[in-house]
Amino acid sequence: QYIIGQIRSTIEDAYHTKTKAQARIIGLTAILKLRQLCLSPRLLYQDSHDSSPKITFVIERLSELMEADHSALVFSQFTSFLDLVESALGSHRIPYYRLDGSTPTEKRKALVKKFQESKNASVFLLSLKAGGQGLNLTKASYVFHLDPWWNPAVEKQASDRAHRMGQIQKVSILRILMR
């Protein structure tokens, strides 16, 4: 609550003391911070020990899916949040691959091939921008969106990575939202 009050105060102050254009930028920055807070307090305060309900939820679901031999795609627009999810996957010994904007082009094809051809269930962590188009990831039967994008069509296109020619399983898409 403290953080929300602080952000609200910053926005109100900006609209009273800044130009409209400056206040809008401050407002958008505040919204970005609130979106990050909904993912994990550690995105704003690295020394925070508060848990992330989204990470707890997704790790529980992914553990169940791995036991049932289902693979999954996990999308976030924040690579810093993917870092936190990656750490949680490692500590829970859930096999995963990761692709984001920093992944070299030649490595992307190899990662997709490994994921698609693996005999075991696994998770593919993807940044929404880098992994949201041009990939065929039909091994996955579950898709998780950890944070909403401004344009729902971008999320749909990302989900469609699992809905490609060759998909023989029903695909479930979960959007994890915070109030």
C-alpha atoms as a PDB file:
ATOM      1  CA  GLN A   1       0.000   0.000   0.000  1.00  0.00           C
ATOM      2  CA  TYR A   2       2.880   2.335   0.805  1.00  0.00           C
ATOM      3  CA  ILE A   3       4.255   2.049  -2.718  1.00  0.00           C
ATOM      4  CA  ILE A   4       0.861   2.639  -4.306  1.00  0.00           C
ATOM      5  CA  GLY A   5       0.315   5.735  -2.170  1.00  0.00           C
ATOM      6  CA  GLN A   6       3.766   7.005  -3.071  1.00  0.00           C
ATOM      7  CA  ILE A   7       3.110   6.543  -6.801  1.00  0.00           C
ATOM      8  CA  ARG A   8      -0.331   8.179  -6.537  1.00  0.00           C
ATOM      9  CA  SER A   9       1.248  11.160  -4.782  1.00  0.00           C
ATOM     10  CA  THR A  10       3.930  11.448  -7.472  1.00  0.00           C
ATOM     11  CA  ILE A  11       1.297  11.506 -10.224  1.00  0.00           C
ATOM     12  CA  GLU A  12      -0.898  14.048  -8.450  1.00  0.00           C
ATOM     13  CA  ASP A  13       2.110  16.263  -7.803  1.00  0.00           C
ATOM     14  CA  ALA A  14       3.149  16.017 -11.458  1.00  0.00           C
ATOM     15  CA  TYR A  15      -0.266  17.158 -12.691  1.00  0.00           C
ATOM     16  CA  HIS A  16      -0.124  20.146 -10.322  1.00  0.00           C
ATOM     17  CA  THR A  17       3.466  21.255 -10.895  1.00  0.00           C
ATOM     18  CA  LYS A  18       4.487  20.071 -14.390  1.00  0.00           C
ATOM     19  CA  THR A  19       3.297  20.635 -17.928  1.00  0.00           C
ATOM     20  CA  LYS A  20       0.654  18.239 -19.239  1.00  0.00           C
ATOM     21  CA  ALA A  21       3.223  16.488 -21.433  1.00  0.00           C
ATOM     22  CA  GLN A  22       5.638  16.039 -18.525  1.00  0.00           C
ATOM     23  CA  ALA A  23       2.840  14.837 -16.246  1.00  0.00           C
ATOM     24  CA  ARG A  24       1.770  12.243 -18.824  1.00  0.00           C
ATOM     25  CA  ILE A  25       5.299  10.846 -19.033  1.00  0.00           C
ATOM     26  CA  ILE A  26       5.498  10.707 -15.245  1.00  0.00           C
ATOM     27  CA  GLY A  27       2.092   8.981 -15.237  1.00  0.00           C
ATOM     28  CA  LEU A  28       3.191   6.375 -17.774  1.00  0.00           C
ATOM     29  CA  THR A  29       6.363   5.728 -15.791  1.00  0.00           C
ATOM     30  CA  ALA A  30       4.213   5.262 -12.686  1.00  0.00           C
ATOM     31  CA  ILE A  31       1.967   2.790 -14.501  1.00  0.00           C
ATOM     32  CA  LEU A  32       5.057   0.850 -15.567  1.00  0.00           C
ATOM     33  CA  LYS A  33       6.177   0.677 -11.925  1.00  0.00           C
ATOM     34  CA  LEU A  34       2.741  -0.549 -10.859  1.00  0.00           C
ATOM     35  CA  ARG A  35       2.830  -3.213 -13.570  1.00  0.00           C
ATOM     36  CA  GLN A  36       6.244  -4.352 -12.328  1.00  0.00           C
ATOM     37  CA  LEU A  37       4.985  -4.363  -8.742  1.00  0.00           C
ATOM     38  CA  CYS A  38       2.183  -6.723  -9.818  1.00  0.00           C
ATOM     39  CA  LEU A  39       4.853  -9.125 -11.045  1.00  0.00           C
ATOM     40  CA  SER A  40       7.292  -8.951  -8.143  1.00  0.00           C
ATOM     41  CA  PRO A  41       8.376  -6.315  -5.613  1.00  0.00           C
ATOM     42  CA  ARG A  42      11.962  -7.354  -6.437  1.00  0.00           C
ATOM     43  CA  LEU A  43      11.658  -5.644  -9.827  1.00  0.00           C
ATOM     44  CA  LEU A  44      11.440  -2.303  -8.029  1.00  0.00           C
ATOM     45  CA  TYR A  45      13.365  -3.121  -4.851  1.00  0.00           C
ATOM     46  CA  GLN A  46      16.061  -5.720  -5.443  1.00  0.00           C
ATOM     47  CA  ASP A  47      16.631  -6.258  -1.731  1.00  0.00           C
ATOM     48  CA  SER A  48      12.931  -7.037  -1.172  1.00  0.00           C
ATOM     49  CA  HIS A  49      12.173 -10.414   0.360  1.00  0.00           C
ATOM     50  CA  ASP A  50       8.469 -10.255  -0.502  1.00  0.00           C
ATOM     51  CA  SER A  51       7.329 -13.213  -2.543  1.00  0.00           C
ATOM     52  CA  SER A  52       5.721 -12.949  -5.940  1.00  0.00           C
ATOM     53  CA  PRO A  53       2.258 -14.543  -6.082  1.00  0.00           C
ATOM     54  CA  LYS A  54       2.659 -14.897  -9.844  1.00  0.00           C
ATOM     55  CA  ILE A  55       5.887 -16.868  -9.519  1.00  0.00           C
ATOM     56  CA  THR A  56       4.363 -19.055  -6.799  1.00  0.00           C
ATOM     57  CA  PHE A  57       1.321 -19.722  -8.976  1.00  0.00           C
ATOM     58  CA  VAL A  58       3.220 -20.443 -12.184  1.00  0.00           C
ATOM     59  CA  ILE A  59       5.752 -22.736 -10.463  1.00  0.00           C
ATOM     60  CA  GLU A  60       2.912 -24.752  -8.883  1.00  0.00           C
ATOM     61  CA  ARG A  61       1.137 -25.108 -12.239  1.00  0.00           C
ATOM     62  CA  LEU A  62       4.342 -25.919 -14.132  1.00  0.00           C
ATOM     63  CA  SER A  63       5.290 -28.590 -11.582  1.00  0.00           C
ATOM     64  CA  GLU A  64       1.908 -30.240 -12.119  1.00  0.00           C
ATOM     65  CA  LEU A  65       2.264 -29.990 -15.895  1.00  0.00           C
ATOM     66  CA  MET A  66       5.755 -31.507 -15.878  1.00  0.00           C
ATOM     67  CA  GLU A  67       4.461 -34.473 -13.848  1.00  0.00           C
ATOM     68  CA  ALA A  68       1.709 -34.947 -16.450  1.00  0.00           C
ATOM     69  CA  ASP A  69       4.310 -34.682 -19.266  1.00  0.00           C
ATOM     70  CA  HIS A  70       3.022 -31.383 -20.680  1.00  0.00           C
ATOM     71  CA  SER A  71       5.319 -28.674 -22.009  1.00  0.00           C
ATOM     72  CA  ALA A  72       4.568 -24.975 -21.655  1.00  0.00           C
ATOM     73  CA  LEU A  73       5.447 -21.546 -23.011  1.00  0.00           C
ATOM     74  CA  VAL A  74       5.838 -18.730 -20.475  1.00  0.00           C
ATOM     75  CA  PHE A  75       5.745 -15.145 -21.780  1.00  0.00           C
ATOM     76  CA  SER A  76       6.636 -11.875 -20.091  1.00  0.00           C
ATOM     77  CA  GLN A  77       7.497  -8.482 -21.516  1.00  0.00           C
ATOM     78  CA  PHE A  78      10.059  -7.946 -18.736  1.00  0.00           C
ATOM     79  CA  THR A  79      13.289  -9.900 -19.104  1.00  0.00           C
ATOM     80  CA  SER A  80      14.111  -8.940 -15.521  1.00  0.00           C
ATOM     81  CA  PHE A  81      10.997 -10.867 -14.449  1.00  0.00           C
ATOM     82  CA  LEU A  82      12.007 -13.800 -16.651  1.00  0.00           C
ATOM     83  CA  ASP A  83      15.270 -13.780 -14.658  1.00  0.00           C
ATOM     84  CA  LEU A  84      13.280 -14.301 -11.445  1.00  0.00           C
ATOM     85  CA  VAL A  85      11.123 -17.031 -13.010  1.00  0.00           C
ATOM     86  CA  GLU A  86      14.252 -18.701 -14.390  1.00  0.00           C
ATOM     87  CA  SER A  87      15.791 -18.761 -10.912  1.00  0.00           C
ATOM     88  CA  ALA A  88      12.611 -20.316  -9.466  1.00  0.00           C
ATOM     89  CA  LEU A  89      12.523 -22.953 -12.223  1.00  0.00           C
ATOM     90  CA  GLY A  90      16.132 -23.849 -11.459  1.00  0.00           C
ATOM     91  CA  SER A  91      15.535 -24.179  -7.738  1.00  0.00           C
ATOM     92  CA  HIS A  92      12.510 -26.423  -8.417  1.00  0.00           C
ATOM     93  CA  ARG A  93      14.485 -28.466 -10.959  1.00  0.00           C
ATOM     94  CA  ILE A  94      12.011 -27.767 -13.746  1.00  0.00           C
ATOM     95  CA  PRO A  95      13.728 -28.101 -17.143  1.00  0.00           C
ATOM     96  CA  TYR A  96      13.545 -24.969 -19.260  1.00  0.00           C
ATOM     97  CA  TYR A  97      14.853 -23.067 -22.259  1.00  0.00           C
ATOM     98  CA  ARG A  98      14.960 -19.306 -22.590  1.00  0.00           C
ATOM     99  CA  LEU A  99      14.781 -16.928 -25.531  1.00  0.00           C
ATOM    100  CA  ASP A 100      14.739 -13.142 -25.337  1.00  0.00           C
ATOM    101  CA  GLY A 101      16.055 -10.177 -27.294  1.00  0.00           C
ATOM    102  CA  SER A 102      19.629 -10.860 -26.182  1.00  0.00           C
ATOM    103  CA  THR A 103      19.607 -14.394 -27.637  1.00  0.00           C
ATOM    104  CA  PRO A 104      21.777 -14.496 -30.799  1.00  0.00           C
ATOM    105  CA  THR A 105      19.891 -15.405 -33.988  1.00  0.00           C
ATOM    106  CA  GLU A 106      21.844 -18.625 -34.605  1.00  0.00           C
ATOM    107  CA  LYS A 107      21.164 -19.782 -31.043  1.00  0.00           C
ATOM    108  CA  ARG A 108      17.414 -19.145 -31.387  1.00  0.00           C
ATOM    109  CA  LYS A 109      16.981 -21.865 -34.008  1.00  0.00           C
ATOM    110  CA  ALA A 110      18.963 -24.322 -31.884  1.00  0.00           C
ATOM    111  CA  LEU A 111      16.845 -23.568 -28.804  1.00  0.00           C
ATOM    112  CA  VAL A 112      13.600 -24.034 -30.723  1.00  0.00           C
ATOM    113  CA  LYS A 113      14.883 -27.320 -32.156  1.00  0.00           C
ATOM    114  CA  LYS A 114      15.948 -28.603 -28.716  1.00  0.00           C
ATOM    115  CA  PHE A 115      12.589 -27.669 -27.202  1.00  0.00           C
ATOM    116  CA  GLN A 116      10.581 -29.205 -30.051  1.00  0.00           C
ATOM    117  CA  GLU A 117      12.600 -32.428 -30.237  1.00  0.00           C
ATOM    118  CA  SER A 118      13.083 -33.055 -26.531  1.00  0.00           C
ATOM    119  CA  LYS A 119      11.497 -36.295 -25.320  1.00  0.00           C
ATOM    120  CA  ASN A 120      10.842 -34.787 -21.891  1.00  0.00           C
ATOM    121  CA  ALA A 121       8.383 -32.100 -20.874  1.00  0.00           C
ATOM    122  CA  SER A 122       9.938 -28.670 -20.452  1.00  0.00           C
ATOM    123  CA  VAL A 123       9.213 -24.964 -20.197  1.00  0.00           C
ATOM    124  CA  PHE A 124      10.186 -22.310 -22.724  1.00  0.00           C
ATOM    125  CA  LEU A 125      10.629 -18.846 -21.209  1.00  0.00           C
ATOM    126  CA  LEU A 126      10.095 -16.175 -23.837  1.00  0.00           C
ATOM    127  CA  SER A 127      10.105 -12.421 -23.910  1.00  0.00           C
ATOM    128  CA  LEU A 128       6.928 -11.242 -25.577  1.00  0.00           C
ATOM    129  CA  LYS A 129       8.762  -9.282 -28.276  1.00  0.00           C
ATOM    130  CA  ALA A 130      11.482 -11.795 -29.188  1.00  0.00           C
ATOM    131  CA  GLY A 131       9.417 -14.956 -28.812  1.00  0.00           C
ATOM    132  CA  GLY A 132       6.032 -13.659 -29.833  1.00  0.00           C
ATOM    133  CA  GLN A 133       6.345 -14.157 -33.569  1.00  0.00           C
ATOM    134  CA  GLY A 134       7.924 -16.347 -36.199  1.00  0.00           C
ATOM    135  CA  LEU A 135       8.428 -19.431 -34.012  1.00  0.00           C
ATOM    136  CA  ASN A 136       6.804 -22.834 -34.260  1.00  0.00           C
ATOM    137  CA  LEU A 137       6.504 -24.260 -30.731  1.00  0.00           C
ATOM    138  CA  THR A 138       3.870 -26.966 -31.102  1.00  0.00           C
ATOM    139  CA  LYS A 139       5.371 -29.149 -28.371  1.00  0.00           C
ATOM    140  CA  ALA A 140       3.705 -26.850 -25.844  1.00  0.00           C
ATOM    141  CA  SER A 141       0.134 -27.519 -24.836  1.00  0.00           C
ATOM    142  CA  TYR A 142       0.025 -24.703 -22.264  1.00  0.00           C
ATOM    143  CA  VAL A 143       0.775 -21.009 -22.662  1.00  0.00           C
ATOM    144  CA  PHE A 144       1.185 -18.629 -19.709  1.00  0.00           C
ATOM    145  CA  HIS A 145       1.101 -14.847 -20.055  1.00  0.00           C
ATOM    146  CA  LEU A 146       2.571 -13.411 -16.864  1.00  0.00           C
ATOM    147  CA  ASP A 147       1.756  -9.791 -17.611  1.00  0.00           C
ATOM    148  CA  PRO A 148      -0.759  -8.188 -19.972  1.00  0.00           C
ATOM    149  CA  TRP A 149       0.454  -6.302 -23.006  1.00  0.00           C
ATOM    150  CA  TRP A 150      -1.078  -2.981 -24.065  1.00  0.00           C
ATOM    151  CA  ASN A 151      -2.342  -4.555 -27.290  1.00  0.00           C
ATOM    152  CA  PRO A 152      -4.145  -7.923 -26.851  1.00  0.00           C
ATOM    153  CA  ALA A 153      -3.317  -8.841 -30.470  1.00  0.00           C
ATOM    154  CA  VAL A 154       0.377  -9.094 -29.493  1.00  0.00           C
ATOM    155  CA  GLU A 155      -0.528 -11.630 -26.781  1.00  0.00           C
ATOM    156  CA  LYS A 156      -2.682 -13.579 -29.222  1.00  0.00           C
ATOM    157  CA  GLN A 157       0.152 -13.711 -31.721  1.00  0.00           C
ATOM    158  CA  ALA A 158       2.469 -14.990 -28.989  1.00  0.00           C
ATOM    159  CA  SER A 159      -0.070 -17.651 -27.985  1.00  0.00           C
ATOM    160  CA  ASP A 160      -0.271 -18.700 -31.609  1.00  0.00           C
ATOM    161  CA  ARG A 161       3.326 -20.014 -31.342  1.00  0.00           C
ATOM    162  CA  ALA A 162       1.710 -23.166 -29.927  1.00  0.00           C
ATOM    163  CA  HIS A 163      -1.236 -23.049 -32.400  1.00  0.00           C
ATOM    164  CA  ARG A 164       0.746 -23.907 -35.521  1.00  0.00           C
ATOM    165  CA  MET A 165       0.550 -26.535 -38.233  1.00  0.00           C
ATOM    166  CA  GLY A 166       1.453 -29.829 -36.613  1.00  0.00           C
ATOM    167  CA  GLN A 167      -0.177 -29.133 -33.253  1.00  0.00           C
ATOM    168  CA  ILE A 168      -2.120 -32.241 -32.248  1.00  0.00           C
ATOM    169  CA  GLN A 169      -2.934 -31.313 -28.644  1.00  0.00           C
ATOM    170  CA  LYS A 170      -5.512 -28.996 -27.168  1.00  0.00           C
ATOM    171  CA  VAL A 171      -3.752 -25.756 -26.158  1.00  0.00           C
ATOM    172  CA  SER A 172      -4.706 -23.997 -22.919  1.00  0.00           C
ATOM    173  CA  ILE A 173      -3.856 -20.318 -22.520  1.00  0.00           C
ATOM    174  CA  LEU A 174      -3.636 -18.750 -19.065  1.00  0.00           C
ATOM    175  CA  ARG A 175      -3.358 -15.003 -18.490  1.00  0.00           C
ATOM    176  CA  ILE A 176      -2.211 -14.344 -14.938  1.00  0.00           C
ATOM    177  CA  LEU A 177      -3.569 -11.001 -13.762  1.00  0.00           C
ATOM    178  CA  MET A 178      -3.308  -9.085 -10.509  1.00  0.00           C
ATOM    179  CA  ARG A 179      -5.947  -6.795  -9.080  1.00  0.00           C
END
